[in-house]
Amino acid sequence: MRSNFSSGLMAIVVLLAGCGGRVTTEPPSLTGLFISDIHFNPLMDPKLADSLDQAPASQWNSIFAGSTQTACATYGQDTNFALLESALAAMKQRVPNPDVIFISGDLLVHYFQQFFYNKEVTNPTQAGYEAFVAKTEHYLAMKLKHAFPEAQILPTLGDWDTAGGTTSTYAGPGFLTAFALSWKSAVNRNGGAPDFEKTFSSGGYYSTTFPVDPHGKFIGLYTQPWAAECTNGCAPDGGNLGPVELGWLTDQLADARANGQHVWLLGHIPPGIDANTTAQNREEKGMSCTASITPFWADVYSSQLYELFTDYSDVIKFGIFAHEHYDDLRVARDSSGNEIFGIKLPPSITPLHNNPAFMAFNYNPVAGVITDTTTYYLTNLSSAPTAATAIWGPEYSFDATYGQTSFDSKGLAGTVTKILTQSAAQSSYINYYPSLYPPGNILPGGMVPFLAWGCALNNFPVADYQACYCGY
């Protein structure tokens, strides 16, 4: 096994160099990062608002350095400059030279428009707000690219990544074009995404090669047009981005099958059921079990997408989504209960209702799989640390915690089985779900009350979830 892996690794190095990758005799680091839900708020200090508004993104670091607000954003807030600096430094310390970074959406602060108009920007205008939003996205791209200049960085848009200001809109052409220009050099780092700017500017989606599975295809999706929260009335000017993207995805999967490739999916809003809202509807609002069930995707799209997943079960290998802010996982199954692919939902950087966290991973490019992950979290947020005094420590490693040998679809499926049948695994899941903030506060223990979340782990269609959740 050792010699096969080594020879395969050398072949990967040659392949990456031939695709316009790093020109170096050093092999890939075989490491990477999962980052999600940064929700960066550049206007946390209102005294900086006019200076930030008037300066290019390249000057923002020096402006932030002059702020008197030096503590990291705390619980109930979104990420400020201090927390962003702290998180990037911790990532750099733990994974100095990642080959690839997956960012599963929501880079921008919640309710950005309200911050812009209600802070101290002089004479705010809609055009000025839209320009400020684009500049904030560009600043984040600059920060990530500066911190990890050799990494391929693969982002997607979340429901708050828009100049519309709410989740009832999705990104328009101007925002998509600006985002594509900011991120294209990082996405196309290895020459595998020559069409990124074109496809992303048209609809927020793209495909690329990537180092984890060099012979596979990585597809970045814009899930907001398919979201239940957005389907009614979200399309600007009567657009049809949802159906167009669905058709594009179908073509990409067919092309991958024809070329013998496996596909990884990156999105923000995940498939399946929103367990948190479902539980709140039933337990706190007194709704009936059936009425309480809240799917993430609109029925008109979810039915087509779940059918597509089944049709291409031989092609789709893994999924990365987010949106919950919590450390979660899912397994997509067909109507007969057979596993299709596993899905990871990484924890968030924003401390809105959890400890900030990110995930480091190792991978095997010969097998095309992530072998293990370690989650790191901010351990002392309650003591109002600065970027310099914040302490990020290891929370847990996936394989050791759940008794797996790889962080792939098989490993996630085995973990879901353990969570649903073994109290120790369920306890780990409950504690790590909010990144240890505080243990057991988010999810209830015990198999019966836990079912709102447990049933969501591998029951995506509403009917399947209802049969699981409403049966007790």
Protein backbone atom coordinates (compact mmCIF):
# COMPACT_ATOMS: atom_id res chain seq x y z
CA MET A 1 0.00 0.00 0.00
CA ARG A 2 2.81 2.42 0.85
CA SER A 3 4.58 2.12 -2.50
CA ASN A 4 1.32 2.33 -4.44
CA PHE A 5 0.37 5.50 -2.62
CA SER A 6 3.80 7.06 -3.19
CA SER A 7 3.81 6.33 -6.90
CA GLY A 8 0.25 7.58 -7.17
CA LEU A 9 1.20 10.76 -5.34
CA MET A 10 3.99 11.48 -7.79
CA ALA A 11 1.52 11.02 -10.62
CA ILE A 12 -0.75 13.56 -8.96
CA VAL A 13 2.10 16.08 -8.69
CA VAL A 14 2.79 15.70 -12.40
CA LEU A 15 -0.93 16.00 -13.19
CA LEU A 16 -1.30 19.22 -11.18
CA ALA A 17 1.79 20.75 -12.77
CA GLY A 18 0.43 19.90 -16.19
CA CYS A 19 -2.84 21.65 -15.34
CA GLY A 20 -1.11 24.91 -14.49
CA GLY A 21 -0.71 24.10 -10.81
CA ARG A 22 2.24 24.84 -8.55
CA VAL A 23 5.56 24.76 -10.37
CA THR A 24 7.52 23.17 -7.55
CA THR A 25 9.42 20.06 -6.63
CA GLU A 26 7.53 19.95 -3.36
CA PRO A 27 4.64 17.49 -3.28
CA PRO A 28 1.17 18.67 -2.27
CA SER A 29 0.66 19.08 1.48
CA LEU A 30 -2.35 16.71 1.34
CA THR A 31 -4.18 19.07 3.69
CA GLY A 32 -7.13 21.41 3.41
CA LEU A 33 -9.73 23.47 5.26
CA PHE A 34 -13.49 23.66 5.61
CA ILE A 35 -14.70 27.23 6.35
CA SER A 36 -18.32 28.27 6.57
CA ASP A 37 -20.68 31.10 7.52
CA ILE A 38 -18.13 33.80 8.23
CA HIS A 39 -20.83 36.51 8.18
CA PHE A 40 -18.26 39.29 8.27
CA ASN A 41 -19.52 42.65 9.54
CA PRO A 42 -17.14 45.45 8.49
CA LEU A 43 -19.37 48.02 10.23
CA MET A 44 -19.17 46.66 13.76
CA ASP A 45 -17.37 49.88 14.71
CA PRO A 46 -19.61 52.65 13.33
CA LYS A 47 -16.81 55.22 13.62
CA LEU A 48 -15.04 53.52 10.73
CA ALA A 49 -18.02 53.56 8.40
CA ASP A 50 -17.19 56.63 6.31
CA SER A 51 -13.51 55.75 6.05
CA LEU A 52 -14.32 52.23 4.85
CA ASP A 53 -16.93 53.55 2.45
CA GLN A 54 -14.50 55.99 0.85
CA ALA A 55 -11.41 53.74 0.72
CA PRO A 56 -10.63 50.81 -1.57
CA ALA A 57 -10.60 47.36 -0.01
CA SER A 58 -6.81 47.33 -0.21
CA GLN A 59 -6.73 50.02 2.52
CA TRP A 60 -9.23 48.42 4.88
CA ASN A 61 -6.65 46.63 7.03
CA SER A 62 -5.07 49.90 8.10
CA ILE A 63 -8.50 51.41 8.82
CA PHE A 64 -9.55 48.45 10.96
CA ALA A 65 -6.24 48.67 12.82
CA GLY A 66 -7.27 52.10 14.10
CA SER A 67 -10.46 50.85 15.73
CA THR A 68 -10.86 51.06 19.49
CA GLN A 69 -12.98 47.89 19.36
CA THR A 70 -10.26 45.29 19.75
CA ALA A 71 -12.24 42.39 21.25
CA CYS A 72 -13.49 39.56 19.07
CA ALA A 73 -17.21 39.64 18.34
CA THR A 74 -19.07 37.65 20.95
CA TYR A 75 -22.17 35.43 21.15
CA GLY A 76 -25.18 36.86 19.37
CA GLN A 77 -23.02 38.95 17.02
CA ASP A 78 -21.52 38.35 13.60
CA THR A 79 -17.81 38.25 12.83
CA ASN A 80 -15.85 41.49 13.24
CA PHE A 81 -12.31 42.29 12.12
CA ALA A 82 -10.69 40.98 15.32
CA LEU A 83 -12.45 37.62 15.07
CA LEU A 84 -11.66 37.35 11.36
CA GLU A 85 -7.97 38.03 12.02
CA SER A 86 -7.95 35.53 14.87
CA ALA A 87 -9.63 32.81 12.82
CA LEU A 88 -7.30 33.23 9.84
CA ALA A 89 -4.25 33.15 12.12
CA ALA A 90 -5.50 29.95 13.78
CA MET A 91 -6.11 28.34 10.40
CA LYS A 92 -2.65 29.34 9.24
CA GLN A 93 -1.11 27.89 12.40
CA ARG A 94 -2.94 24.56 12.10
CA VAL A 95 -2.76 24.19 8.31
CA PRO A 96 0.11 26.35 7.03
CA ASN A 97 -0.10 25.36 3.36
CA PRO A 98 -3.48 23.85 2.45
CA ASP A 99 -3.89 22.60 -1.08
CA VAL A 100 -7.59 23.46 -1.15
CA ILE A 101 -10.09 25.42 0.95
CA PHE A 102 -13.84 24.83 0.77
CA ILE A 103 -16.00 27.83 1.76
CA SER A 104 -19.66 26.83 1.94
CA GLY A 105 -21.21 30.27 1.77
CA ASP A 106 -22.53 33.23 3.77
CA LEU A 107 -19.50 35.45 3.82
CA LEU A 108 -21.55 38.59 4.56
CA VAL A 109 -23.16 39.86 7.75
CA HIS A 110 -26.86 39.28 8.38
CA TYR A 111 -29.01 42.32 7.53
CA PHE A 112 -26.12 44.13 5.87
CA GLN A 113 -28.40 46.81 4.46
CA GLN A 114 -29.59 47.84 7.92
CA PHE A 115 -26.03 48.20 9.18
CA PHE A 116 -25.07 50.33 6.20
CA TYR A 117 -28.00 52.72 6.54
CA ASN A 118 -28.22 52.77 10.35
CA LYS A 119 -24.54 53.27 11.11
CA GLU A 120 -22.64 56.43 10.28
CA VAL A 121 -22.21 56.29 6.52
CA THR A 122 -22.83 59.85 5.40
CA ASN A 123 -25.69 60.24 2.92
CA PRO A 124 -26.09 56.52 2.13
CA THR A 125 -27.56 55.57 -1.23
CA GLN A 126 -28.62 52.26 -2.75
CA ALA A 127 -25.85 52.47 -5.32
CA GLY A 128 -23.37 53.22 -2.56
CA TYR A 129 -24.64 50.28 -0.52
CA GLU A 130 -24.32 47.86 -3.44
CA ALA A 131 -20.77 49.07 -4.09
CA PHE A 132 -19.92 48.62 -0.40
CA VAL A 133 -21.25 45.06 -0.44
CA ALA A 134 -19.14 44.19 -3.48
CA LYS A 135 -16.12 45.80 -1.82
CA THR A 136 -16.66 43.70 1.31
CA GLU A 137 -16.73 40.49 -0.72
CA HIS A 138 -13.57 41.64 -2.50
CA TYR A 139 -11.89 42.33 0.84
CA LEU A 140 -12.65 38.82 2.08
CA ALA A 141 -11.26 37.35 -1.13
CA MET A 142 -8.10 39.40 -0.65
CA LYS A 143 -7.75 38.24 2.97
CA LEU A 144 -8.11 34.56 2.12
CA LYS A 145 -5.80 34.76 -0.88
CA HIS A 146 -3.17 36.63 1.13
CA ALA A 147 -3.31 34.15 3.99
CA PHE A 148 -3.14 31.12 1.69
CA PRO A 149 -1.47 32.25 -1.55
CA GLU A 150 -0.90 28.74 -2.91
CA ALA A 151 -4.30 27.23 -2.10
CA GLN A 152 -7.13 26.62 -4.50
CA ILE A 153 -10.03 28.38 -2.75
CA LEU A 154 -13.50 27.17 -3.69
CA PRO A 155 -16.36 29.38 -2.42
CA THR A 156 -20.08 29.35 -2.92
CA LEU A 157 -22.79 31.90 -2.17
CA GLY A 158 -25.06 31.73 0.86
CA ASP A 159 -28.51 33.20 1.32
CA TRP A 160 -27.06 36.44 2.77
CA ASP A 161 -24.47 36.86 0.01
CA THR A 162 -26.45 39.37 -2.00
CA ALA A 163 -26.82 43.11 -2.38
CA GLY A 164 -30.56 42.67 -1.83
CA GLY A 165 -30.18 42.88 1.94
CA THR A 166 -32.50 40.01 2.84
CA THR A 167 -32.91 36.29 2.17
CA SER A 168 -36.02 37.00 0.12
CA THR A 169 -33.83 38.04 -2.78
CA TYR A 170 -30.95 36.45 -4.55
CA ALA A 171 -27.85 37.88 -6.11
CA GLY A 172 -28.27 39.92 -9.25
CA PRO A 173 -25.93 40.14 -12.25
CA GLY A 174 -23.81 42.98 -10.84
CA PHE A 175 -23.11 41.15 -7.60
CA LEU A 176 -22.34 37.86 -9.36
CA THR A 177 -19.92 39.54 -11.77
CA ALA A 178 -18.11 41.38 -8.99
CA PHE A 179 -17.81 38.18 -6.92
CA ALA A 180 -16.46 36.25 -9.91
CA LEU A 181 -13.80 38.87 -10.57
CA SER A 182 -12.71 38.84 -6.91
CA TRP A 183 -12.38 35.07 -6.58
CA LYS A 184 -11.45 33.81 -10.07
CA SER A 185 -7.68 33.67 -9.50
CA ALA A 186 -8.13 31.55 -6.36
CA VAL A 187 -10.72 29.22 -7.91
CA ASN A 188 -8.69 28.74 -11.07
CA ARG A 189 -5.42 28.39 -9.16
CA ASN A 190 -4.60 25.06 -10.79
CA GLY A 191 -6.03 25.91 -14.18
CA GLY A 192 -9.03 23.65 -13.69
CA ALA A 193 -11.79 26.26 -13.85
CA PRO A 194 -11.26 28.25 -17.06
CA ASP A 195 -15.00 28.96 -17.34
CA PHE A 196 -15.47 30.10 -13.74
CA GLU A 197 -15.97 33.79 -14.47
CA LYS A 198 -18.44 33.08 -17.27
CA THR A 199 -20.69 30.58 -15.49
CA PHE A 200 -20.53 32.24 -12.07
CA SER A 201 -21.38 35.64 -13.51
CA SER A 202 -24.42 34.17 -15.22
CA GLY A 203 -25.82 32.18 -12.30
CA GLY A 204 -23.47 31.75 -9.34
CA TYR A 205 -22.34 28.20 -10.22
CA TYR A 206 -19.20 26.61 -11.67
CA SER A 207 -17.21 23.40 -12.07
CA THR A 208 -13.51 22.74 -11.64
CA THR A 209 -10.88 20.12 -11.07
CA PHE A 210 -9.50 20.00 -7.52
CA PRO A 211 -6.63 18.26 -5.71
CA VAL A 212 -8.58 15.95 -3.39
CA ASP A 213 -9.85 13.92 -6.34
CA PRO A 214 -7.71 15.03 -9.31
CA HIS A 215 -9.65 12.91 -11.79
CA GLY A 216 -13.01 14.04 -10.44
CA LYS A 217 -15.18 17.09 -10.92
CA PHE A 218 -16.03 19.66 -8.24
CA ILE A 219 -19.29 21.54 -8.73
CA GLY A 220 -20.10 24.77 -6.89
CA LEU A 221 -23.85 25.40 -6.66
CA TYR A 222 -25.89 28.49 -5.84
CA THR A 223 -28.69 26.98 -3.74
CA GLN A 224 -30.67 30.12 -2.96
CA PRO A 225 -32.88 29.90 -6.08
CA TRP A 226 -33.95 26.42 -4.90
CA ALA A 227 -34.54 27.41 -1.26
CA ALA A 228 -37.96 27.28 0.30
CA GLU A 229 -37.32 30.72 1.83
CA CYS A 230 -36.65 32.22 -1.58
CA THR A 231 -38.65 30.42 -4.24
CA ASN A 232 -41.69 32.68 -4.04
CA GLY A 233 -40.78 36.09 -5.36
CA CYS A 234 -36.99 35.92 -5.16
CA ALA A 235 -36.20 36.05 -8.84
CA PRO A 236 -35.16 39.60 -9.84
CA ASP A 237 -37.04 40.88 -12.87
CA GLY A 238 -38.86 37.57 -13.25
CA GLY A 239 -35.64 35.61 -13.76
CA ASN A 240 -35.51 31.83 -13.98
CA LEU A 241 -32.16 31.08 -12.39
CA GLY A 242 -33.45 28.01 -10.51
CA PRO A 243 -34.54 25.99 -13.57
CA VAL A 244 -31.53 27.13 -15.58
CA GLU A 245 -29.11 26.01 -12.88
CA LEU A 246 -30.93 22.69 -12.52
CA GLY A 247 -30.49 22.08 -16.25
CA TRP A 248 -26.82 23.05 -16.04
CA LEU A 249 -26.27 20.64 -13.13
CA THR A 250 -27.93 17.83 -15.07
CA ASP A 251 -25.60 18.46 -18.02
CA GLN A 252 -22.57 18.50 -15.72
CA LEU A 253 -23.49 15.17 -14.15
CA ALA A 254 -24.10 13.60 -17.55
CA ASP A 255 -20.73 14.88 -18.75
CA ALA A 256 -19.02 13.46 -15.66
CA ARG A 257 -20.58 10.05 -16.22
CA ALA A 258 -19.54 10.06 -19.87
CA ASN A 259 -15.95 10.83 -18.80
CA GLY A 260 -15.83 8.34 -15.94
CA GLN A 261 -15.61 11.06 -13.27
CA HIS A 262 -16.94 11.26 -9.75
CA VAL A 263 -18.56 14.53 -8.66
CA TRP A 264 -18.34 16.49 -5.42
CA LEU A 265 -21.02 19.09 -4.71
CA LEU A 266 -20.56 22.36 -2.82
CA GLY A 267 -23.57 24.44 -1.79
CA HIS A 268 -24.93 26.48 1.08
CA ILE A 269 -28.52 25.58 1.90
CA PRO A 270 -28.54 21.79 2.28
CA PRO A 271 -31.06 19.26 1.05
CA GLY A 272 -33.45 17.73 3.55
CA ILE A 273 -35.25 19.06 6.60
CA ASP A 274 -34.53 22.04 8.85
CA ALA A 275 -34.58 20.15 12.15
CA ASN A 276 -34.13 23.23 14.33
CA THR A 277 -37.13 25.06 12.92
CA THR A 278 -39.16 21.85 12.84
CA ALA A 279 -38.51 21.19 16.54
CA GLN A 280 -39.31 24.79 17.46
CA ASN A 281 -42.55 24.66 15.51
CA ARG A 282 -43.67 21.53 17.32
CA GLU A 283 -42.28 21.98 20.82
CA GLU A 284 -42.52 25.75 21.28
CA LYS A 285 -45.30 26.82 18.92
CA GLY A 286 -47.53 23.79 19.45
CA MET A 287 -47.93 22.97 15.78
CA SER A 288 -48.92 19.48 14.72
CA CYS A 289 -46.09 17.16 13.78
CA THR A 290 -46.95 17.21 10.10
CA ALA A 291 -47.40 20.98 9.96
CA SER A 292 -44.16 21.60 11.85
CA ILE A 293 -41.91 19.96 9.25
CA THR A 294 -39.83 22.59 7.45
CA PRO A 295 -37.83 21.56 4.37
CA PHE A 296 -34.79 23.55 3.29
CA TRP A 297 -35.57 23.35 -0.42
CA ALA A 298 -38.83 24.20 -2.15
CA ASP A 299 -40.89 21.20 -3.24
CA VAL A 300 -40.78 22.17 -6.89
CA TYR A 301 -36.98 21.81 -6.86
CA SER A 302 -36.36 19.21 -4.17
CA SER A 303 -38.40 16.55 -5.97
CA GLN A 304 -36.39 17.06 -9.14
CA LEU A 305 -33.06 17.23 -7.33
CA TYR A 306 -33.66 14.10 -5.25
CA GLU A 307 -34.57 12.25 -8.44
CA LEU A 308 -31.39 13.59 -10.03
CA PHE A 309 -29.33 12.38 -7.06
CA THR A 310 -30.81 8.92 -7.48
CA ASP A 311 -30.26 8.88 -11.23
CA TYR A 312 -26.60 9.79 -10.75
CA SER A 313 -25.89 7.77 -7.62
CA ASP A 314 -22.95 6.21 -9.45
CA VAL A 315 -21.47 9.65 -10.11
CA ILE A 316 -22.06 11.84 -7.03
CA LYS A 317 -19.42 11.05 -4.42
CA PHE A 318 -19.66 13.66 -1.65
CA GLY A 319 -21.39 16.91 -0.69
CA ILE A 320 -20.44 19.99 1.34
CA PHE A 321 -23.22 22.32 2.46
CA ALA A 322 -23.82 24.52 5.54
CA HIS A 323 -26.41 27.19 6.52
CA GLU A 324 -27.21 25.87 10.00
CA HIS A 325 -24.04 27.34 11.59
CA TYR A 326 -23.81 24.03 13.44
CA ASP A 327 -21.47 21.06 13.01
CA ASP A 328 -23.74 18.59 11.25
CA LEU A 329 -23.84 15.81 8.65
CA ARG A 330 -26.34 14.11 6.36
CA VAL A 331 -26.59 11.03 4.17
CA ALA A 332 -28.69 11.12 1.00
CA ARG A 333 -30.61 7.90 0.30
CA ASP A 334 -32.77 6.67 -2.54
CA SER A 335 -36.39 5.53 -2.14
CA SER A 336 -35.19 2.03 -1.21
CA GLY A 337 -32.99 3.35 1.58
CA ASN A 338 -29.70 2.83 -0.24
CA GLU A 339 -26.94 5.34 0.46
CA ILE A 340 -26.24 7.77 -2.39
CA PHE A 341 -23.67 10.15 -0.89
CA GLY A 342 -22.64 11.73 2.39
CA ILE A 343 -22.87 15.44 3.16
CA LYS A 344 -20.87 17.51 5.64
CA LEU A 345 -22.20 20.75 7.12
CA PRO A 346 -19.18 22.52 8.69
CA PRO A 347 -19.60 24.79 11.74
CA SER A 348 -19.58 28.56 11.39
CA ILE A 349 -17.00 31.23 12.13
CA THR A 350 -19.71 33.65 13.28
CA PRO A 351 -20.53 33.20 17.00
CA LEU A 352 -24.20 33.98 16.58
CA HIS A 353 -25.29 30.89 18.53
CA ASN A 354 -22.23 28.68 18.80
CA ASN A 355 -18.50 28.82 19.37
CA PRO A 356 -16.59 29.85 16.22
CA ALA A 357 -15.00 26.82 14.57
CA PHE A 358 -13.33 25.54 11.42
CA MET A 359 -12.22 22.13 10.19
CA ALA A 360 -8.80 20.96 9.00
CA PHE A 361 -8.48 17.78 6.95
CA ASN A 362 -6.06 15.35 5.38
CA TYR A 363 -6.76 13.64 2.09
CA ASN A 364 -5.56 10.84 -0.16
CA PRO A 365 -5.55 11.94 -3.83
CA VAL A 366 -5.00 8.40 -5.09
CA ALA A 367 -8.25 7.21 -3.50
CA GLY A 368 -9.85 10.63 -4.00
CA VAL A 369 -11.10 10.87 -0.40
CA ILE A 370 -10.67 12.93 2.74
CA THR A 371 -9.15 10.57 5.27
CA ASP A 372 -9.82 12.47 8.51
CA THR A 373 -10.81 15.87 9.90
CA THR A 374 -10.04 17.80 13.06
CA THR A 375 -12.32 20.57 14.22
CA TYR A 376 -10.80 23.59 16.00
CA TYR A 377 -12.85 26.07 17.99
CA LEU A 378 -12.39 29.34 19.87
CA THR A 379 -12.10 28.18 23.46
CA ASN A 380 -12.15 31.49 25.36
CA LEU A 381 -14.70 33.66 23.59
CA SER A 382 -16.61 34.26 26.83
CA SER A 383 -13.63 36.21 28.21
CA ALA A 384 -13.74 38.78 25.38
CA PRO A 385 -10.35 38.01 23.85
CA THR A 386 -8.58 40.17 21.29
CA ALA A 387 -7.20 38.69 18.09
CA ALA A 388 -3.88 38.27 19.91
CA THR A 389 -5.28 36.60 23.05
CA ALA A 390 -7.89 34.36 21.43
CA ILE A 391 -7.16 30.68 21.99
CA TRP A 392 -8.19 28.17 19.34
CA GLY A 393 -7.92 24.55 20.39
CA PRO A 394 -8.75 21.12 18.99
CA GLU A 395 -12.33 20.02 19.63
CA TYR A 396 -12.44 16.53 18.10
CA SER A 397 -11.14 14.34 15.31
CA PHE A 398 -13.74 12.57 13.22
CA ASP A 399 -12.23 9.10 12.84
CA ALA A 400 -11.27 8.71 16.49
CA THR A 401 -14.58 10.07 17.80
CA TYR A 402 -16.88 8.01 15.61
CA GLY A 403 -14.72 4.94 14.98
CA GLN A 404 -14.28 5.47 11.24
CA THR A 405 -11.30 5.07 8.91
CA SER A 406 -12.08 7.84 6.42
CA PHE A 407 -14.17 10.99 6.11
CA ASP A 408 -16.06 9.88 3.02
CA SER A 409 -19.65 8.90 2.28
CA LYS A 410 -19.14 5.48 3.82
CA GLY A 411 -17.64 7.02 6.95
CA LEU A 412 -20.50 9.50 7.28
CA ALA A 413 -23.09 6.76 6.76
CA GLY A 414 -21.46 4.65 9.46
CA THR A 415 -21.43 7.66 11.77
CA VAL A 416 -25.14 8.35 11.23
CA THR A 417 -25.90 4.73 12.12
CA LYS A 418 -23.91 5.06 15.34
CA ILE A 419 -25.55 8.36 16.28
CA LEU A 420 -28.99 6.81 15.85
CA THR A 421 -28.21 3.61 17.75
CA GLN A 422 -25.46 4.31 20.29
CA SER A 423 -25.75 6.72 23.21
CA ALA A 424 -22.03 7.55 23.25
CA ALA A 425 -22.03 8.61 19.59
CA GLN A 426 -25.24 10.56 20.11
CA SER A 427 -23.69 12.36 23.08
CA SER A 428 -20.66 13.33 20.98
CA TYR A 429 -22.91 14.61 18.22
CA ILE A 430 -24.98 16.68 20.66
CA ASN A 431 -21.93 18.25 22.30
CA TYR A 432 -20.07 19.00 19.08
CA TYR A 433 -23.14 20.23 17.18
CA PRO A 434 -22.79 23.80 18.64
CA SER A 435 -18.99 23.49 18.93
CA LEU A 436 -19.22 22.99 22.70
CA TYR A 437 -21.36 26.06 23.37
CA PRO A 438 -22.37 24.94 25.93
CA PRO A 439 -22.53 21.13 25.92
CA GLY A 440 -26.06 19.85 25.44
CA ASN A 441 -27.67 23.28 25.32
CA ILE A 442 -28.87 23.11 21.71
CA LEU A 443 -30.08 19.55 21.30
CA PRO A 444 -32.05 17.44 23.78
CA GLY A 445 -30.64 14.12 24.93
CA GLY A 446 -32.49 10.82 24.76
CA MET A 447 -33.59 9.02 21.63
CA VAL A 448 -37.20 10.25 21.51
CA PRO A 449 -36.81 14.07 21.78
CA PHE A 450 -33.66 13.79 19.67
CA LEU A 451 -35.64 12.43 16.71
CA ALA A 452 -36.28 15.88 15.24
CA TRP A 453 -32.55 16.00 14.48
CA GLY A 454 -31.92 12.27 14.20
CA CYS A 455 -34.56 11.78 11.51
CA ALA A 456 -33.03 14.64 9.50
CA LEU A 457 -29.70 12.83 9.27
CA ASN A 458 -30.85 10.47 6.51
CA ASN A 459 -34.45 11.35 5.56
CA PHE A 460 -34.54 14.13 2.98
CA PRO A 461 -38.04 13.99 1.39
CA VAL A 462 -40.81 15.33 3.63
CA ALA A 463 -42.73 12.05 3.48
CA ASP A 464 -39.70 10.05 4.65
CA TYR A 465 -38.97 12.48 7.45
CA GLN A 466 -42.61 12.51 8.53
CA ALA A 467 -42.69 8.73 8.75
CA CYS A 468 -39.62 8.83 10.99
CA TYR A 469 -40.37 11.87 13.14
CA CYS A 470 -44.14 11.72 13.55
CA GLY A 471 -44.24 8.02 14.30
CA TYR A 472 -43.57 8.32 18.02
